[in-house]
Amino acid sequence: MGFSLLGFWAAYAVRRANNRLHRAFALSGVILNILSSVYLVYAVRVLGIEMPARFAEVVVVVHRIFSAAIALLMFAMLYSGIKRQRQLHIRLHYYFLPGYTLSYISGLVIFFP
């Protein structure tokens, strides 16, 4: 997930200078996020790998709900970028980038000792 975060921020950094590079970084962020999310769900739900949290269950649930909402927002960003709905894409990034960064950092704080 860290690499997907880097991909998203790299896409943001080059958004005005190089649109091709922006697309490549953004798409790599989406693909890496999907792969890491699927693996995480597989490891926890199928393999039974436990990820003990340092916080109460309600904090974990709120983190998961927020992360799921950000994932949906990621797909909306992907769609609006592919369809070249520029205004929507720009409006969504104001919520997506900080939200994804917060989700990533909160996951580190909640699940790593």
PDB file of N, CA and C in Angstrom:
ATOM      1  N   MET A   1       0.817  -1.190   0.000  1.00  0.00           N
ATOM      2  CA  MET A   1       0.000   0.000   0.000  1.00  0.00           C
ATOM      3  C   MET A   1       0.860   1.254   0.000  1.00  0.00           C
ATOM      4  N   GLY A   2       2.030   1.131   0.545  1.00  0.00           N
ATOM      5  CA  GLY A   2       2.934   2.268   0.535  1.00  0.00           C
ATOM      6  C   GLY A   2       3.331   2.670  -0.873  1.00  0.00           C
ATOM      7  N   PHE A   3       3.549   1.657  -1.736  1.00  0.00           N
ATOM      8  CA  PHE A   3       3.905   1.969  -3.120  1.00  0.00           C
ATOM      9  C   PHE A   3       2.742   2.608  -3.868  1.00  0.00           C
ATOM     10  N   SER A   4       1.521   2.188  -3.547  1.00  0.00           N
ATOM     11  CA  SER A   4       0.373   2.823  -4.195  1.00  0.00           C
ATOM     12  C   SER A   4       0.263   4.279  -3.741  1.00  0.00           C
ATOM     13  N   LEU A   5       0.532   4.539  -2.484  1.00  0.00           N
ATOM     14  CA  LEU A   5       0.521   5.915  -1.989  1.00  0.00           C
ATOM     15  C   LEU A   5       1.564   6.750  -2.735  1.00  0.00           C
ATOM     16  N   LEU A   6       2.751   6.182  -2.925  1.00  0.00           N
ATOM     17  CA  LEU A   6       3.786   6.882  -3.692  1.00  0.00           C
ATOM     18  C   LEU A   6       3.342   7.124  -5.134  1.00  0.00           C
ATOM     19  N   GLY A   7       2.662   6.144  -5.722  1.00  0.00           N
ATOM     20  CA  GLY A   7       2.158   6.310  -7.083  1.00  0.00           C
ATOM     21  C   GLY A   7       1.160   7.447  -7.190  1.00  0.00           C
ATOM     22  N   PHE A   8       0.250   7.513  -6.223  1.00  0.00           N
ATOM     23  CA  PHE A   8      -0.759   8.580  -6.252  1.00  0.00           C
ATOM     24  C   PHE A   8      -0.126   9.960  -6.074  1.00  0.00           C
ATOM     25  N   TRP A   9       0.810  10.071  -5.139  1.00  0.00           N
ATOM     26  CA  TRP A   9       1.441  11.370  -4.921  1.00  0.00           C
ATOM     27  C   TRP A   9       2.363  11.751  -6.081  1.00  0.00           C
ATOM     28  N   ALA A  10       3.007  10.750  -6.691  1.00  0.00           N
ATOM     29  CA  ALA A  10       3.823  11.035  -7.878  1.00  0.00           C
ATOM     30  C   ALA A  10       2.939  11.524  -9.022  1.00  0.00           C
ATOM     31  N   ALA A  11       1.761  10.903  -9.181  1.00  0.00           N
ATOM     32  CA  ALA A  11       0.819  11.344 -10.215  1.00  0.00           C
ATOM     33  C   ALA A  11       0.390  12.783  -9.959  1.00  0.00           C
ATOM     34  N   TYR A  12       0.160  13.101  -8.704  1.00  0.00           N
ATOM     35  CA  TYR A  12      -0.219  14.475  -8.354  1.00  0.00           C
ATOM     36  C   TYR A  12       0.914  15.455  -8.669  1.00  0.00           C
ATOM     37  N   ALA A  13       2.145  15.032  -8.406  1.00  0.00           N
ATOM     38  CA  ALA A  13       3.296  15.917  -8.601  1.00  0.00           C
ATOM     39  C   ALA A  13       3.517  16.269 -10.071  1.00  0.00           C
ATOM     40  N   VAL A  14       3.218  15.340 -10.971  1.00  0.00           N
ATOM     41  CA  VAL A  14       3.487  15.588 -12.388  1.00  0.00           C
ATOM     42  C   VAL A  14       2.222  15.923 -13.181  1.00  0.00           C
ATOM     43  N   ARG A  15       1.126  16.175 -12.510  1.00  0.00           N
ATOM     44  CA  ARG A  15      -0.174  16.337 -13.173  1.00  0.00           C
ATOM     45  C   ARG A  15      -0.181  17.438 -14.225  1.00  0.00           C
ATOM     46  N   ARG A  16       0.551  18.507 -14.019  1.00  0.00           N
ATOM     47  CA  ARG A  16       0.542  19.615 -14.979  1.00  0.00           C
ATOM     48  C   ARG A  16       1.680  19.512 -15.989  1.00  0.00           C
ATOM     49  N   ALA A  17       2.776  18.909 -15.582  1.00  0.00           N
ATOM     50  CA  ALA A  17       3.956  18.865 -16.441  1.00  0.00           C
ATOM     51  C   ALA A  17       3.884  17.772 -17.502  1.00  0.00           C
ATOM     52  N   ASN A  18       3.322  16.605 -17.146  1.00  0.00           N
ATOM     53  CA  ASN A  18       3.362  15.473 -18.067  1.00  0.00           C
ATOM     54  C   ASN A  18       2.131  14.596 -17.846  1.00  0.00           C
ATOM     55  N   ASN A  19       1.157  14.727 -18.714  1.00  0.00           N
ATOM     56  CA  ASN A  19      -0.098  13.997 -18.551  1.00  0.00           C
ATOM     57  C   ASN A  19       0.092  12.490 -18.711  1.00  0.00           C
ATOM     58  N   ARG A  20       0.972  12.070 -19.606  1.00  0.00           N
ATOM     59  CA  ARG A  20       1.235  10.635 -19.785  1.00  0.00           C
ATOM     60  C   ARG A  20       1.826  10.028 -18.516  1.00  0.00           C
ATOM     61  N   LEU A  21       2.758  10.727 -17.941  1.00  0.00           N
ATOM     62  CA  LEU A  21       3.368  10.250 -16.702  1.00  0.00           C
ATOM     63  C   LEU A  21       2.355  10.274 -15.562  1.00  0.00           C
ATOM     64  N   HIS A  22       1.514  11.298 -15.547  1.00  0.00           N
ATOM     65  CA  HIS A  22       0.438  11.378 -14.558  1.00  0.00           C
ATOM     66  C   HIS A  22      -0.447  10.139 -14.631  1.00  0.00           C
ATOM     67  N   ARG A  23      -0.847   9.770 -15.831  1.00  0.00           N
ATOM     68  CA  ARG A  23      -1.690   8.581 -16.014  1.00  0.00           C
ATOM     69  C   ARG A  23      -0.969   7.314 -15.580  1.00  0.00           C
ATOM     70  N   ALA A  24       0.303   7.195 -15.946  1.00  0.00           N
ATOM     71  CA  ALA A  24       1.068   5.991 -15.597  1.00  0.00           C
ATOM     72  C   ALA A  24       1.200   5.849 -14.084  1.00  0.00           C
ATOM     73  N   PHE A  25       1.550   6.929 -13.401  1.00  0.00           N
ATOM     74  CA  PHE A  25       1.680   6.878 -11.945  1.00  0.00           C
ATOM     75  C   PHE A  25       0.338   6.587 -11.277  1.00  0.00           C
ATOM     76  N   ALA A  26      -0.715   7.248 -11.742  1.00  0.00           N
ATOM     77  CA  ALA A  26      -2.038   7.055 -11.148  1.00  0.00           C
ATOM     78  C   ALA A  26      -2.510   5.614 -11.350  1.00  0.00           C
ATOM     79  N   LEU A  27      -2.338   5.095 -12.548  1.00  0.00           N
ATOM     80  CA  LEU A  27      -2.759   3.724 -12.825  1.00  0.00           C
ATOM     81  C   LEU A  27      -1.928   2.722 -12.024  1.00  0.00           C
ATOM     82  N   SER A  28      -0.645   2.990 -11.872  1.00  0.00           N
ATOM     83  CA  SER A  28       0.173   2.092 -11.043  1.00  0.00           C
ATOM     84  C   SER A  28      -0.293   2.145  -9.589  1.00  0.00           C
ATOM     85  N   GLY A  29      -0.684   3.311  -9.115  1.00  0.00           N
ATOM     86  CA  GLY A  29      -1.218   3.421  -7.762  1.00  0.00           C
ATOM     87  C   GLY A  29      -2.494   2.624  -7.590  1.00  0.00           C
ATOM     88  N   VAL A  30      -3.385   2.691  -8.580  1.00  0.00           N
ATOM     89  CA  VAL A  30      -4.641   1.942  -8.514  1.00  0.00           C
ATOM     90  C   VAL A  30      -4.365   0.438  -8.519  1.00  0.00           C
ATOM     91  N   ILE A  31      -3.532  -0.006  -9.450  1.00  0.00           N
ATOM     92  CA  ILE A  31      -3.235  -1.442  -9.555  1.00  0.00           C
ATOM     93  C   ILE A  31      -2.563  -1.955  -8.290  1.00  0.00           C
ATOM     94  N   LEU A  32      -1.580  -1.231  -7.784  1.00  0.00           N
ATOM     95  CA  LEU A  32      -0.898  -1.659  -6.559  1.00  0.00           C
ATOM     96  C   LEU A  32      -1.843  -1.656  -5.362  1.00  0.00           C
ATOM     97  N   ASN A  33      -2.763  -0.699  -5.316  1.00  0.00           N
ATOM     98  CA  ASN A  33      -3.725  -0.652  -4.226  1.00  0.00           C
ATOM     99  C   ASN A  33      -4.676  -1.844  -4.286  1.00  0.00           C
ATOM    100  N   ILE A  34      -5.160  -2.168  -5.474  1.00  0.00           N
ATOM    101  CA  ILE A  34      -6.056  -3.309  -5.622  1.00  0.00           C
ATOM    102  C   ILE A  34      -5.340  -4.595  -5.240  1.00  0.00           C
ATOM    103  N   LEU A  35      -4.122  -4.777  -5.750  1.00  0.00           N
ATOM    104  CA  LEU A  35      -3.366  -5.997  -5.432  1.00  0.00           C
ATOM    105  C   LEU A  35      -3.104  -6.135  -3.941  1.00  0.00           C
ATOM    106  N   SER A  36      -2.667  -5.065  -3.312  1.00  0.00           N
ATOM    107  CA  SER A  36      -2.366  -5.141  -1.884  1.00  0.00           C
ATOM    108  C   SER A  36      -3.630  -5.307  -1.047  1.00  0.00           C
ATOM    109  N   SER A  37      -4.725  -4.701  -1.460  1.00  0.00           N
ATOM    110  CA  SER A  37      -5.986  -4.855  -0.733  1.00  0.00           C
ATOM    111  C   SER A  37      -6.520  -6.277  -0.836  1.00  0.00           C
ATOM    112  N   VAL A  38      -6.463  -6.844  -2.036  1.00  0.00           N
ATOM    113  CA  VAL A  38      -6.917  -8.229  -2.214  1.00  0.00           C
ATOM    114  C   VAL A  38      -6.052  -9.175  -1.391  1.00  0.00           C
ATOM    115  N   TYR A  39      -4.742  -8.963  -1.422  1.00  0.00           N
ATOM    116  CA  TYR A  39      -3.854  -9.814  -0.632  1.00  0.00           C
ATOM    117  C   TYR A  39      -4.140  -9.664   0.861  1.00  0.00           C
ATOM    118  N   LEU A  40      -4.362  -8.450   1.323  1.00  0.00           N
ATOM    119  CA  LEU A  40      -4.643  -8.215   2.739  1.00  0.00           C
ATOM    120  C   LEU A  40      -5.918  -8.924   3.174  1.00  0.00           C
ATOM    121  N   VAL A  41      -6.973  -8.799   2.393  1.00  0.00           N
ATOM    122  CA  VAL A  41      -8.234  -9.472   2.713  1.00  0.00           C
ATOM    123  C   VAL A  41      -8.044 -10.992   2.675  1.00  0.00           C
ATOM    124  N   TYR A  42      -7.325 -11.488   1.682  1.00  0.00           N
ATOM    125  CA  TYR A  42      -7.051 -12.925   1.569  1.00  0.00           C
ATOM    126  C   TYR A  42      -6.268 -13.421   2.784  1.00  0.00           C
ATOM    127  N   ALA A  43      -5.225 -12.697   3.159  1.00  0.00           N
ATOM    128  CA  ALA A  43      -4.386 -13.113   4.289  1.00  0.00           C
ATOM    129  C   ALA A  43      -5.181 -13.146   5.589  1.00  0.00           C
ATOM    130  N   VAL A  44      -6.037 -12.174   5.793  1.00  0.00           N
ATOM    131  CA  VAL A  44      -6.784 -12.083   7.046  1.00  0.00           C
ATOM    132  C   VAL A  44      -7.974 -13.037   7.053  1.00  0.00           C
ATOM    133  N   ARG A  45      -8.754 -13.037   5.977  1.00  0.00           N
ATOM    134  CA  ARG A  45     -10.001 -13.812   5.957  1.00  0.00           C
ATOM    135  C   ARG A  45      -9.806 -15.277   5.577  1.00  0.00           C
ATOM    136  N   VAL A  46      -8.923 -15.578   4.644  1.00  0.00           N
ATOM    137  CA  VAL A  46      -8.754 -16.949   4.168  1.00  0.00           C
ATOM    138  C   VAL A  46      -7.643 -17.672   4.930  1.00  0.00           C
ATOM    139  N   LEU A  47      -6.482 -17.050   5.027  1.00  0.00           N
ATOM    140  CA  LEU A  47      -5.358 -17.694   5.704  1.00  0.00           C
ATOM    141  C   LEU A  47      -5.436 -17.570   7.222  1.00  0.00           C
ATOM    142  N   GLY A  48      -6.229 -16.646   7.699  1.00  0.00           N
ATOM    143  CA  GLY A  48      -6.405 -16.485   9.141  1.00  0.00           C
ATOM    144  C   GLY A  48      -5.252 -15.792   9.848  1.00  0.00           C
ATOM    145  N   ILE A  49      -4.466 -15.040   9.102  1.00  0.00           N
ATOM    146  CA  ILE A  49      -3.366 -14.296   9.710  1.00  0.00           C
ATOM    147  C   ILE A  49      -3.964 -13.187  10.558  1.00  0.00           C
ATOM    148  N   GLU A  50      -3.589 -13.188  11.824  1.00  0.00           N
ATOM    149  CA  GLU A  50      -4.160 -12.185  12.722  1.00  0.00           C
ATOM    150  C   GLU A  50      -3.331 -10.918  12.713  1.00  0.00           C
ATOM    151  N   MET A  51      -4.043  -9.806  12.689  1.00  0.00           N
ATOM    152  CA  MET A  51      -3.394  -8.506  12.772  1.00  0.00           C
ATOM    153  C   MET A  51      -3.938  -7.813  14.015  1.00  0.00           C
ATOM    154  N   PRO A  52      -3.294  -8.052  15.141  1.00  0.00           N
ATOM    155  CA  PRO A  52      -3.814  -7.451  16.370  1.00  0.00           C
ATOM    156  C   PRO A  52      -3.731  -5.924  16.330  1.00  0.00           C
ATOM    157  N   ALA A  53      -4.802  -5.317  16.752  1.00  0.00           N
ATOM    158  CA  ALA A  53      -4.871  -3.856  16.782  1.00  0.00           C
ATOM    159  C   ALA A  53      -4.531  -3.356  18.180  1.00  0.00           C
ATOM    160  N   ARG A  54      -3.953  -2.180  18.223  1.00  0.00           N
ATOM    161  CA  ARG A  54      -3.608  -1.567  19.505  1.00  0.00           C
ATOM    162  C   ARG A  54      -4.743  -0.716  20.053  1.00  0.00           C
ATOM    163  N   PHE A  55      -5.851  -0.681  19.339  1.00  0.00           N
ATOM    164  CA  PHE A  55      -6.970   0.167  19.727  1.00  0.00           C
ATOM    165  C   PHE A  55      -8.245  -0.656  19.845  1.00  0.00           C
ATOM    166  N   ALA A  56      -9.279  -0.034  20.347  1.00  0.00           N
ATOM    167  CA  ALA A  56     -10.570  -0.708  20.515  1.00  0.00           C
ATOM    168  C   ALA A  56     -11.159  -1.100  19.162  1.00  0.00           C
ATOM    169  N   GLU A  57     -12.045  -2.069  19.181  1.00  0.00           N
ATOM    170  CA  GLU A  57     -12.663  -2.584  17.956  1.00  0.00           C
ATOM    171  C   GLU A  57     -13.394  -1.499  17.180  1.00  0.00           C
ATOM    172  N   VAL A  58     -13.990  -0.552  17.864  1.00  0.00           N
ATOM    173  CA  VAL A  58     -14.713   0.524  17.177  1.00  0.00           C
ATOM    174  C   VAL A  58     -13.763   1.344  16.308  1.00  0.00           C
ATOM    175  N   VAL A  59     -12.538   1.542  16.759  1.00  0.00           N
ATOM    176  CA  VAL A  59     -11.547   2.288  15.979  1.00  0.00           C
ATOM    177  C   VAL A  59     -11.194   1.516  14.710  1.00  0.00           C
ATOM    178  N   VAL A  60     -11.051   0.204  14.841  1.00  0.00           N
ATOM    179  CA  VAL A  60     -10.744  -0.647  13.692  1.00  0.00           C
ATOM    180  C   VAL A  60     -11.890  -0.610  12.682  1.00  0.00           C
ATOM    181  N   VAL A  61     -13.109  -0.688  13.163  1.00  0.00           N
ATOM    182  CA  VAL A  61     -14.283  -0.662  12.281  1.00  0.00           C
ATOM    183  C   VAL A  61     -14.377   0.682  11.554  1.00  0.00           C
ATOM    184  N   VAL A  62     -14.160   1.761  12.255  1.00  0.00           N
ATOM    185  CA  VAL A  62     -14.202   3.089  11.632  1.00  0.00           C
ATOM    186  C   VAL A  62     -13.109   3.193  10.569  1.00  0.00           C
ATOM    187  N   HIS A  63     -11.922   2.685  10.866  1.00  0.00           N
ATOM    188  CA  HIS A  63     -10.830   2.689   9.887  1.00  0.00           C
ATOM    189  C   HIS A  63     -11.227   1.909   8.636  1.00  0.00           C
ATOM    190  N   ARG A  64     -11.821   0.738   8.821  1.00  0.00           N
ATOM    191  CA  ARG A  64     -12.201  -0.091   7.674  1.00  0.00           C
ATOM    192  C   ARG A  64     -13.306   0.559   6.840  1.00  0.00           C
ATOM    193  N   ILE A  65     -14.259   1.178   7.479  1.00  0.00           N
ATOM    194  CA  ILE A  65     -15.331   1.865   6.749  1.00  0.00           C
ATOM    195  C   ILE A  65     -14.766   3.047   5.971  1.00  0.00           C
ATOM    196  N   PHE A  66     -13.921   3.824   6.625  1.00  0.00           N
ATOM    197  CA  PHE A  66     -13.301   4.972   5.966  1.00  0.00           C
ATOM    198  C   PHE A  66     -12.440   4.518   4.788  1.00  0.00           C
ATOM    199  N   SER A  67     -11.668   3.445   4.977  1.00  0.00           N
ATOM    200  CA  SER A  67     -10.815   2.926   3.905  1.00  0.00           C
ATOM    201  C   SER A  67     -11.640   2.413   2.730  1.00  0.00           C
ATOM    202  N   ALA A  68     -12.763   1.782   3.013  1.00  0.00           N
ATOM    203  CA  ALA A  68     -13.647   1.303   1.941  1.00  0.00           C
ATOM    204  C   ALA A  68     -14.223   2.482   1.166  1.00  0.00           C
ATOM    205  N   ALA A  69     -14.594   3.542   1.867  1.00  0.00           N
ATOM    206  CA  ALA A  69     -15.117   4.735   1.194  1.00  0.00           C
ATOM    207  C   ALA A  69     -14.041   5.375   0.313  1.00  0.00           C
ATOM    208  N   ILE A  70     -12.820   5.405   0.796  1.00  0.00           N
ATOM    209  CA  ILE A  70     -11.721   5.961   0.006  1.00  0.00           C
ATOM    210  C   ILE A  70     -11.442   5.082  -1.215  1.00  0.00           C
ATOM    211  N   ALA A  71     -11.588   3.770  -1.059  1.00  0.00           N
ATOM    212  CA  ALA A  71     -11.406   2.870  -2.205  1.00  0.00           C
ATOM    213  C   ALA A  71     -12.459   3.153  -3.278  1.00  0.00           C
ATOM    214  N   LEU A  72     -13.692   3.381  -2.863  1.00  0.00           N
ATOM    215  CA  LEU A  72     -14.736   3.745  -3.828  1.00  0.00           C
ATOM    216  C   LEU A  72     -14.420   5.076  -4.504  1.00  0.00           C
ATOM    217  N   LEU A  73     -13.901   5.999  -3.725  1.00  0.00           N
ATOM    218  CA  LEU A  73     -13.501   7.289  -4.275  1.00  0.00           C
ATOM    219  C   LEU A  73     -12.355   7.118  -5.281  1.00  0.00           C
ATOM    220  N   MET A  74     -11.463   6.157  -5.008  1.00  0.00           N
ATOM    221  CA  MET A  74     -10.373   5.870  -5.942  1.00  0.00           C
ATOM    222  C   MET A  74     -10.935   5.420  -7.291  1.00  0.00           C
ATOM    223  N   PHE A  75     -11.958   4.560  -7.259  1.00  0.00           N
ATOM    224  CA  PHE A  75     -12.564   4.107  -8.507  1.00  0.00           C
ATOM    225  C   PHE A  75     -13.289   5.244  -9.227  1.00  0.00           C
ATOM    226  N   ALA A  76     -13.870   6.161  -8.465  1.00  0.00           N
ATOM    227  CA  ALA A  76     -14.498   7.336  -9.076  1.00  0.00           C
ATOM    228  C   ALA A  76     -13.436   8.224  -9.728  1.00  0.00           C
ATOM    229  N   MET A  77     -12.290   8.347  -9.076  1.00  0.00           N
ATOM    230  CA  MET A  77     -11.176   9.105  -9.662  1.00  0.00           C
ATOM    231  C   MET A  77     -10.705   8.430 -10.943  1.00  0.00           C
ATOM    232  N   LEU A  78     -10.567   7.120 -10.911  1.00  0.00           N
ATOM    233  CA  LEU A  78     -10.132   6.374 -12.090  1.00  0.00           C
ATOM    234  C   LEU A  78     -11.114   6.575 -13.241  1.00  0.00           C
ATOM    235  N   TYR A  79     -12.390   6.430 -12.948  1.00  0.00           N
ATOM    236  CA  TYR A  79     -13.419   6.581 -13.979  1.00  0.00           C
ATOM    237  C   TYR A  79     -13.414   7.996 -14.562  1.00  0.00           C
ATOM    238  N   SER A  80     -13.388   8.994 -13.692  1.00  0.00           N
ATOM    239  CA  SER A  80     -13.428  10.376 -14.183  1.00  0.00           C
ATOM    240  C   SER A  80     -12.165  10.721 -14.964  1.00  0.00           C
ATOM    241  N   GLY A  81     -11.046  10.113 -14.609  1.00  0.00           N
ATOM    242  CA  GLY A  81      -9.820  10.343 -15.372  1.00  0.00           C
ATOM    243  C   GLY A  81      -9.871   9.688 -16.738  1.00  0.00           C
ATOM    244  N   ILE A  82     -10.357   8.445 -16.785  1.00  0.00           N
ATOM    245  CA  ILE A  82     -10.454   7.739 -18.066  1.00  0.00           C
ATOM    246  C   ILE A  82     -11.436   8.431 -19.005  1.00  0.00           C
ATOM    247  N   LYS A  83     -12.562   8.865 -18.448  1.00  0.00           N
ATOM    248  CA  LYS A  83     -13.592   9.532 -19.255  1.00  0.00           C
ATOM    249  C   LYS A  83     -13.289  11.009 -19.497  1.00  0.00           C
ATOM    250  N   ARG A  84     -12.178  11.463 -18.963  1.00  0.00           N
ATOM    251  CA  ARG A  84     -11.732  12.857 -19.121  1.00  0.00           C
ATOM    252  C   ARG A  84     -12.757  13.875 -18.632  1.00  0.00           C
ATOM    253  N   GLN A  85     -13.348  13.542 -17.516  1.00  0.00           N
ATOM    254  CA  GLN A  85     -14.265  14.475 -16.855  1.00  0.00           C
ATOM    255  C   GLN A  85     -13.422  15.318 -15.897  1.00  0.00           C
ATOM    256  N   ARG A  86     -12.729  16.258 -16.465  1.00  0.00           N
ATOM    257  CA  ARG A  86     -11.678  16.988 -15.774  1.00  0.00           C
ATOM    258  C   ARG A  86     -12.149  17.683 -14.492  1.00  0.00           C
ATOM    259  N   GLN A  87     -13.258  18.388 -14.569  1.00  0.00           N
ATOM    260  CA  GLN A  87     -13.728  19.127 -13.396  1.00  0.00           C
ATOM    261  C   GLN A  87     -14.053  18.192 -12.231  1.00  0.00           C
ATOM    262  N   LEU A  88     -14.742  17.096 -12.518  1.00  0.00           N
ATOM    263  CA  LEU A  88     -15.054  16.118 -11.478  1.00  0.00           C
ATOM    264  C   LEU A  88     -13.778  15.497 -10.929  1.00  0.00           C
ATOM    265  N   HIS A  89     -12.867  15.151 -11.820  1.00  0.00           N
ATOM    266  CA  HIS A  89     -11.601  14.539 -11.421  1.00  0.00           C
ATOM    267  C   HIS A  89     -10.818  15.466 -10.479  1.00  0.00           C
ATOM    268  N   ILE A  90     -10.786  16.728 -10.819  1.00  0.00           N
ATOM    269  CA  ILE A  90     -10.071  17.705  -9.986  1.00  0.00           C
ATOM    270  C   ILE A  90     -10.762  17.859  -8.629  1.00  0.00           C
ATOM    271  N   ARG A  91     -12.093  17.922  -8.632  1.00  0.00           N
ATOM    272  CA  ARG A  91     -12.815  18.053  -7.355  1.00  0.00           C
ATOM    273  C   ARG A  91     -12.606  16.839  -6.461  1.00  0.00           C
ATOM    274  N   LEU A  92     -12.594  15.658  -7.052  1.00  0.00           N
ATOM    275  CA  LEU A  92     -12.440  14.440  -6.255  1.00  0.00           C
ATOM    276  C   LEU A  92     -11.062  14.325  -5.626  1.00  0.00           C
ATOM    277  N   HIS A  93     -10.040  14.824  -6.312  1.00  0.00           N
ATOM    278  CA  HIS A  93      -8.695  14.648  -5.764  1.00  0.00           C
ATOM    279  C   HIS A  93      -8.486  15.413  -4.460  1.00  0.00           C
ATOM    280  N   TYR A  94      -9.275  16.458  -4.244  1.00  0.00           N
ATOM    281  CA  TYR A  94      -9.167  17.201  -2.978  1.00  0.00           C
ATOM    282  C   TYR A  94      -9.538  16.314  -1.782  1.00  0.00           C
ATOM    283  N   TYR A  95     -10.371  15.324  -2.013  1.00  0.00           N
ATOM    284  CA  TYR A  95     -10.781  14.404  -0.949  1.00  0.00           C
ATOM    285  C   TYR A  95      -9.974  13.113  -0.971  1.00  0.00           C
ATOM    286  N   PHE A  96      -9.642  12.655  -2.183  1.00  0.00           N
ATOM    287  CA  PHE A  96      -8.987  11.360  -2.297  1.00  0.00           C
ATOM    288  C   PHE A  96      -7.564  11.353  -1.738  1.00  0.00           C
ATOM    289  N   LEU A  97      -6.731  12.277  -2.160  1.00  0.00           N
ATOM    290  CA  LEU A  97      -5.328  12.240  -1.727  1.00  0.00           C
ATOM    291  C   LEU A  97      -5.165  12.368  -0.212  1.00  0.00           C
ATOM    292  N   PRO A  98      -5.793  13.348   0.425  1.00  0.00           N
ATOM    293  CA  PRO A  98      -5.671  13.399   1.888  1.00  0.00           C
ATOM    294  C   PRO A  98      -6.334  12.189   2.557  1.00  0.00           C
ATOM    295  N   GLY A  99      -7.469  11.740   2.013  1.00  0.00           N
ATOM    296  CA  GLY A  99      -8.169  10.602   2.595  1.00  0.00           C
ATOM    297  C   GLY A  99      -7.363   9.322   2.509  1.00  0.00           C
ATOM    298  N   TYR A 100      -6.750   9.071   1.345  1.00  0.00           N
ATOM    299  CA  TYR A 100      -5.936   7.866   1.184  1.00  0.00           C
ATOM    300  C   TYR A 100      -4.700   7.934   2.070  1.00  0.00           C
ATOM    301  N   THR A 101      -4.089   9.098   2.153  1.00  0.00           N
ATOM    302  CA  THR A 101      -2.920   9.264   3.020  1.00  0.00           C
ATOM    303  C   THR A 101      -3.301   9.027   4.480  1.00  0.00           C
ATOM    304  N   LEU A 102      -4.421   9.577   4.904  1.00  0.00           N
ATOM    305  CA  LEU A 102      -4.895   9.367   6.277  1.00  0.00           C
ATOM    306  C   LEU A 102      -5.221   7.899   6.534  1.00  0.00           C
ATOM    307  N   SER A 103      -5.845   7.248   5.574  1.00  0.00           N
ATOM    308  CA  SER A 103      -6.175   5.828   5.708  1.00  0.00           C
ATOM    309  C   SER A 103      -4.902   4.994   5.847  1.00  0.00           C
ATOM    310  N   TYR A 104      -3.904   5.298   5.037  1.00  0.00           N
ATOM    311  CA  TYR A 104      -2.631   4.576   5.091  1.00  0.00           C
ATOM    312  C   TYR A 104      -1.939   4.769   6.448  1.00  0.00           C
ATOM    313  N   ILE A 105      -1.845   6.004   6.886  1.00  0.00           N
ATOM    314  CA  ILE A 105      -1.169   6.294   8.153  1.00  0.00           C
ATOM    315  C   ILE A 105      -1.941   5.718   9.328  1.00  0.00           C
ATOM    316  N   SER A 106      -3.267   5.820   9.301  1.00  0.00           N
ATOM    317  CA  SER A 106      -4.052   5.261  10.410  1.00  0.00           C
ATOM    318  C   SER A 106      -3.923   3.745  10.461  1.00  0.00           C
ATOM    319  N   GLY A 107      -3.809   3.096   9.302  1.00  0.00           N
ATOM    320  CA  GLY A 107      -3.578   1.651   9.288  1.00  0.00           C
ATOM    321  C   GLY A 107      -2.250   1.292   9.918  1.00  0.00           C
ATOM    322  N   LEU A 108      -1.237   2.081   9.651  1.00  0.00           N
ATOM    323  CA  LEU A 108       0.064   1.837  10.282  1.00  0.00           C
ATOM    324  C   LEU A 108      -0.014   2.005  11.802  1.00  0.00           C
ATOM    325  N   VAL A 109      -0.685   3.042  12.228  1.00  0.00           N
ATOM    326  CA  VAL A 109      -0.794   3.324  13.665  1.00  0.00           C
ATOM    327  C   VAL A 109      -1.632   2.258  14.376  1.00  0.00           C
ATOM    328  N   ILE A 110      -2.724   1.837  13.744  1.00  0.00           N
ATOM    329  CA  ILE A 110      -3.634   0.904  14.384  1.00  0.00           C
ATOM    330  C   ILE A 110      -3.058  -0.507  14.444  1.00  0.00           C
ATOM    331  N   PHE A 111      -2.413  -0.962  13.359  1.00  0.00           N
ATOM    332  CA  PHE A 111      -2.071  -2.380  13.249  1.00  0.00           C
ATOM    333  C   PHE A 111      -0.610  -2.738  13.461  1.00  0.00           C
ATOM    334  N   PHE A 112       0.280  -1.775  13.511  1.00  0.00           N
ATOM    335  CA  PHE A 112       1.680  -2.118  13.719  1.00  0.00           C
ATOM    336  C   PHE A 112       2.138  -1.718  15.109  1.00  0.00           C
ATOM    337  N   PRO A 113       2.844  -2.629  15.771  1.00  0.00           N
ATOM    338  CA  PRO A 113       3.266  -2.367  17.171  1.00  0.00           C
ATOM    339  C   PRO A 113       4.326  -1.307  17.319  1.00  0.00           C
TER     340      PRO A 113
END
